[in-house]
PDB file of N, CA and C in Angstrom:
ATOM      1  N   MET A   1       8.860  10.144  12.007  1.00  0.00           N
ATOM      2  CA  MET A   1       7.776   9.332  11.501  1.00  0.00           C
ATOM      3  C   MET A   1       7.920   7.878  11.947  1.00  0.00           C
ATOM      4  N   THR A   2       9.110   7.334  11.890  1.00  0.00           N
ATOM      5  CA  THR A   2       9.275   5.953  12.315  1.00  0.00           C
ATOM      6  C   THR A   2      10.034   5.892  13.620  1.00  0.00           C
ATOM      7  N   GLN A   3       9.815   4.807  14.331  1.00  0.00           N
ATOM      8  CA  GLN A   3      10.527   4.594  15.578  1.00  0.00           C
ATOM      9  C   GLN A   3      11.239   3.260  15.501  1.00  0.00           C
ATOM     10  N   LYS A   4      12.477   3.228  15.956  1.00  0.00           N
ATOM     11  CA  LYS A   4      13.217   1.973  15.986  1.00  0.00           C
ATOM     12  C   LYS A   4      12.727   1.148  17.172  1.00  0.00           C
ATOM     13  N   LEU A   5      12.426  -0.113  16.913  1.00  0.00           N
ATOM     14  CA  LEU A   5      11.938  -0.993  17.967  1.00  0.00           C
ATOM     15  C   LEU A   5      13.107  -1.649  18.680  1.00  0.00           C
ATOM     16  N   GLU A   6      12.937  -1.864  19.947  1.00  0.00           N
ATOM     17  CA  GLU A   6      13.962  -2.517  20.762  1.00  0.00           C
ATOM     18  C   GLU A   6      13.680  -4.011  20.856  1.00  0.00           C
ATOM     19  N   GLY A   7      14.676  -4.795  20.604  1.00  0.00           N
ATOM     20  CA  GLY A   7      14.584  -6.244  20.803  1.00  0.00           C
ATOM     21  C   GLY A   7      13.385  -6.899  20.176  1.00  0.00           C
ATOM     22  N   LYS A   8      12.514  -7.434  21.029  1.00  0.00           N
ATOM     23  CA  LYS A   8      11.367  -8.201  20.547  1.00  0.00           C
ATOM     24  C   LYS A   8      10.063  -7.413  20.602  1.00  0.00           C
ATOM     25  N   GLU A   9      10.151  -6.097  20.556  1.00  0.00           N
ATOM     26  CA  GLU A   9       8.921  -5.291  20.566  1.00  0.00           C
ATOM     27  C   GLU A   9       8.088  -5.607  19.329  1.00  0.00           C
ATOM     28  N   LEU A  10       6.794  -5.553  19.484  1.00  0.00           N
ATOM     29  CA  LEU A  10       5.874  -5.819  18.385  1.00  0.00           C
ATOM     30  C   LEU A  10       5.126  -4.552  18.016  1.00  0.00           C
ATOM     31  N   VAL A  11       4.680  -4.501  16.783  1.00  0.00           N
ATOM     32  CA  VAL A  11       3.821  -3.404  16.362  1.00  0.00           C
ATOM     33  C   VAL A  11       2.392  -3.924  16.307  1.00  0.00           C
ATOM     34  N   SER A  12       1.451  -3.022  16.416  1.00  0.00           N
ATOM     35  CA  SER A  12       0.053  -3.437  16.359  1.00  0.00           C
ATOM     36  C   SER A  12      -0.340  -3.744  14.911  1.00  0.00           C
ATOM     37  N   PHE A  13      -1.417  -4.488  14.772  1.00  0.00           N
ATOM     38  CA  PHE A  13      -1.936  -4.796  13.446  1.00  0.00           C
ATOM     39  C   PHE A  13      -2.271  -3.511  12.704  1.00  0.00           C
ATOM     40  N   GLU A  14      -2.802  -2.537  13.421  1.00  0.00           N
ATOM     41  CA  GLU A  14      -3.165  -1.258  12.816  1.00  0.00           C
ATOM     42  C   GLU A  14      -1.933  -0.551  12.235  1.00  0.00           C
ATOM     43  N   GLU A  15      -0.833  -0.559  12.976  1.00  0.00           N
ATOM     44  CA  GLU A  15       0.404   0.071  12.496  1.00  0.00           C
ATOM     45  C   GLU A  15       0.948  -0.664  11.274  1.00  0.00           C
ATOM     46  N   LEU A  16       0.900  -1.984  11.306  1.00  0.00           N
ATOM     47  CA  LEU A  16       1.367  -2.786  10.186  1.00  0.00           C
ATOM     48  C   LEU A  16       0.507  -2.542   8.953  1.00  0.00           C
ATOM     49  N   LEU A  17      -0.793  -2.470   9.140  1.00  0.00           N
ATOM     50  CA  LEU A  17      -1.713  -2.216   8.037  1.00  0.00           C
ATOM     51  C   LEU A  17      -1.470  -0.843   7.424  1.00  0.00           C
ATOM     52  N   MET A  18      -1.260   0.166   8.263  1.00  0.00           N
ATOM     53  CA  MET A  18      -1.009   1.517   7.766  1.00  0.00           C
ATOM     54  C   MET A  18       0.297   1.569   6.977  1.00  0.00           C
ATOM     55  N   ALA A  19       1.340   0.943   7.479  1.00  0.00           N
ATOM     56  CA  ALA A  19       2.628   0.929   6.772  1.00  0.00           C
ATOM     57  C   ALA A  19       2.484   0.237   5.425  1.00  0.00           C
ATOM     58  N   ASN A  20       1.765  -0.870   5.396  1.00  0.00           N
ATOM     59  CA  ASN A  20       1.553  -1.597   4.150  1.00  0.00           C
ATOM     60  C   ASN A  20       0.758  -0.746   3.156  1.00  0.00           C
ATOM     61  N   SER A  21      -0.250  -0.037   3.634  1.00  0.00           N
ATOM     62  CA  SER A  21      -1.060   0.818   2.762  1.00  0.00           C
ATOM     63  C   SER A  21      -0.221   1.912   2.128  1.00  0.00           C
ATOM     64  N   VAL A  22       0.669   2.502   2.906  1.00  0.00           N
ATOM     65  CA  VAL A  22       1.541   3.559   2.390  1.00  0.00           C
ATOM     66  C   VAL A  22       2.451   3.003   1.301  1.00  0.00           C
ATOM     67  N   ILE A  23       3.019   1.832   1.535  1.00  0.00           N
ATOM     68  CA  ILE A  23       3.923   1.219   0.554  1.00  0.00           C
ATOM     69  C   ILE A  23       3.184   0.887  -0.740  1.00  0.00           C
ATOM     70  N   VAL A  24       2.003   0.283  -0.625  1.00  0.00           N
ATOM     71  CA  VAL A  24       1.231  -0.091  -1.814  1.00  0.00           C
ATOM     72  C   VAL A  24       0.806   1.149  -2.593  1.00  0.00           C
ATOM     73  N   ASP A  25       0.357   2.184  -1.903  1.00  0.00           N
ATOM     74  CA  ASP A  25      -0.055   3.414  -2.573  1.00  0.00           C
ATOM     75  C   ASP A  25       1.122   4.063  -3.288  1.00  0.00           C
ATOM     76  N   THR A  26       2.271   4.100  -2.641  1.00  0.00           N
ATOM     77  CA  THR A  26       3.461   4.688  -3.249  1.00  0.00           C
ATOM     78  C   THR A  26       3.874   3.909  -4.493  1.00  0.00           C
ATOM     79  N   LEU A  27       3.845   2.604  -4.414  1.00  0.00           N
ATOM     80  CA  LEU A  27       4.182   1.774  -5.567  1.00  0.00           C
ATOM     81  C   LEU A  27       3.198   1.995  -6.718  1.00  0.00           C
ATOM     82  N   ALA A  28       1.919   2.065  -6.408  1.00  0.00           N
ATOM     83  CA  ALA A  28       0.912   2.309  -7.451  1.00  0.00           C
ATOM     84  C   ALA A  28       1.136   3.666  -8.111  1.00  0.00           C
ATOM     85  N   GLN A  29       1.416   4.692  -7.317  1.00  0.00           N
ATOM     86  CA  GLN A  29       1.669   6.023  -7.877  1.00  0.00           C
ATOM     87  C   GLN A  29       2.892   6.013  -8.789  1.00  0.00           C
ATOM     88  N   LEU A  30       3.931   5.307  -8.390  1.00  0.00           N
ATOM     89  CA  LEU A  30       5.136   5.210  -9.212  1.00  0.00           C
ATOM     90  C   LEU A  30       4.846   4.504 -10.529  1.00  0.00           C
ATOM     91  N   LEU A  31       4.089   3.413 -10.480  1.00  0.00           N
ATOM     92  CA  LEU A  31       3.746   2.693 -11.703  1.00  0.00           C
ATOM     93  C   LEU A  31       2.878   3.539 -12.630  1.00  0.00           C
ATOM     94  N   ILE A  32       1.984   4.334 -12.065  1.00  0.00           N
ATOM     95  CA  ILE A  32       1.159   5.240 -12.874  1.00  0.00           C
ATOM     96  C   ILE A  32       2.044   6.303 -13.519  1.00  0.00           C
ATOM     97  N   GLU A  33       2.959   6.889 -12.744  1.00  0.00           N
ATOM     98  CA  GLU A  33       3.862   7.918 -13.289  1.00  0.00           C
ATOM     99  C   GLU A  33       4.738   7.360 -14.407  1.00  0.00           C
ATOM    100  N   LYS A  34       5.162   6.110 -14.287  1.00  0.00           N
ATOM    101  CA  LYS A  34       6.018   5.488 -15.302  1.00  0.00           C
ATOM    102  C   LYS A  34       5.219   4.985 -16.497  1.00  0.00           C
ATOM    103  N   GLY A  35       3.898   5.046 -16.423  1.00  0.00           N
ATOM    104  CA  GLY A  35       3.059   4.639 -17.543  1.00  0.00           C
ATOM    105  C   GLY A  35       2.818   3.146 -17.646  1.00  0.00           C
ATOM    106  N   VAL A  36       3.119   2.403 -16.593  1.00  0.00           N
ATOM    107  CA  VAL A  36       2.883   0.962 -16.619  1.00  0.00           C
ATOM    108  C   VAL A  36       1.384   0.689 -16.680  1.00  0.00           C
ATOM    109  N   PHE A  37       0.597   1.458 -15.945  1.00  0.00           N
ATOM    110  CA  PHE A  37      -0.849   1.434 -16.065  1.00  0.00           C
ATOM    111  C   PHE A  37      -1.381   2.801 -15.666  1.00  0.00           C
ATOM    112  N   ASN A  38      -2.659   3.036 -15.957  1.00  0.00           N
ATOM    113  CA  ASN A  38      -3.216   4.350 -15.656  1.00  0.00           C
ATOM    114  C   ASN A  38      -4.196   4.262 -14.489  1.00  0.00           C
ATOM    115  N   LYS A  39      -4.692   5.405 -14.064  1.00  0.00           N
ATOM    116  CA  LYS A  39      -5.571   5.451 -12.893  1.00  0.00           C
ATOM    117  C   LYS A  39      -6.858   4.667 -13.111  1.00  0.00           C
ATOM    118  N   GLU A  40      -7.375   4.686 -14.339  1.00  0.00           N
ATOM    119  CA  GLU A  40      -8.613   3.963 -14.617  1.00  0.00           C
ATOM    120  C   GLU A  40      -8.400   2.459 -14.469  1.00  0.00           C
ATOM    121  N   GLU A  41      -7.277   1.948 -14.963  1.00  0.00           N
ATOM    122  CA  GLU A  41      -6.974   0.522 -14.820  1.00  0.00           C
ATOM    123  C   GLU A  41      -6.789   0.165 -13.349  1.00  0.00           C
ATOM    124  N   SER A  42      -6.174   1.056 -12.612  1.00  0.00           N
ATOM    125  CA  SER A  42      -5.956   0.835 -11.178  1.00  0.00           C
ATOM    126  C   SER A  42      -7.300   0.749 -10.449  1.00  0.00           C
ATOM    127  N   ALA A  43      -8.194   1.678 -10.732  1.00  0.00           N
ATOM    128  CA  ALA A  43      -9.511   1.690 -10.092  1.00  0.00           C
ATOM    129  C   ALA A  43     -10.316   0.463 -10.494  1.00  0.00           C
ATOM    130  N   LYS A  44     -10.228   0.063 -11.750  1.00  0.00           N
ATOM    131  CA  LYS A  44     -10.964  -1.103 -12.224  1.00  0.00           C
ATOM    132  C   LYS A  44     -10.461  -2.359 -11.496  1.00  0.00           C
ATOM    133  N   GLY A  45      -9.168  -2.480 -11.303  1.00  0.00           N
ATOM    134  CA  GLY A  45      -8.600  -3.622 -10.592  1.00  0.00           C
ATOM    135  C   GLY A  45      -9.075  -3.694  -9.158  1.00  0.00           C
ATOM    136  N   ARG A  46      -9.171  -2.526  -8.509  1.00  0.00           N
ATOM    137  CA  ARG A  46      -9.652  -2.497  -7.128  1.00  0.00           C
ATOM    138  C   ARG A  46     -11.105  -2.906  -7.053  1.00  0.00           C
ATOM    139  N   MET A  47     -11.909  -2.475  -8.023  1.00  0.00           N
ATOM    140  CA  MET A  47     -13.334  -2.804  -7.999  1.00  0.00           C
ATOM    141  C   MET A  47     -13.553  -4.295  -8.226  1.00  0.00           C
ATOM    142  N   SER A  48     -12.801  -4.896  -9.161  1.00  0.00           N
ATOM    143  CA  SER A  48     -13.014  -6.315  -9.443  1.00  0.00           C
ATOM    144  C   SER A  48     -12.518  -7.187  -8.301  1.00  0.00           C
ATOM    145  N   SER A  49     -11.449  -6.778  -7.616  1.00  0.00           N
ATOM    146  CA  SER A  49     -10.954  -7.591  -6.502  1.00  0.00           C
ATOM    147  C   SER A  49     -11.827  -7.428  -5.258  1.00  0.00           C
ATOM    148  N   ALA A  50     -12.557  -6.330  -5.144  1.00  0.00           N
ATOM    149  CA  ALA A  50     -13.431  -6.118  -3.987  1.00  0.00           C
ATOM    150  C   ALA A  50     -14.630  -7.047  -4.035  1.00  0.00           C
ATOM    151  N   GLY A  51     -15.041  -7.453  -5.219  1.00  0.00           N
ATOM    152  CA  GLY A  51     -16.195  -8.320  -5.354  1.00  0.00           C
ATOM    153  C   GLY A  51     -15.898  -9.791  -5.166  1.00  0.00           C
ATOM    154  N   GLN A  52     -14.647 -10.146  -5.011  1.00  0.00           N
ATOM    155  CA  GLN A  52     -14.272 -11.552  -4.881  1.00  0.00           C
ATOM    156  C   GLN A  52     -14.457 -12.071  -3.504  1.00  0.00           C
TER     157      GLN A  52
END
């Protein structure tokens, strides 16, 4: 799944965005499983931040 980069190799913006999306989604799922917040609160937060 991942590749080790050599020296000063760069990743594309698309690759960086995808990696960030995976991390954020995983963190949100973990917080939901632990009961920190629920799916409805998560969806509501996404909707309110999209309108800003």
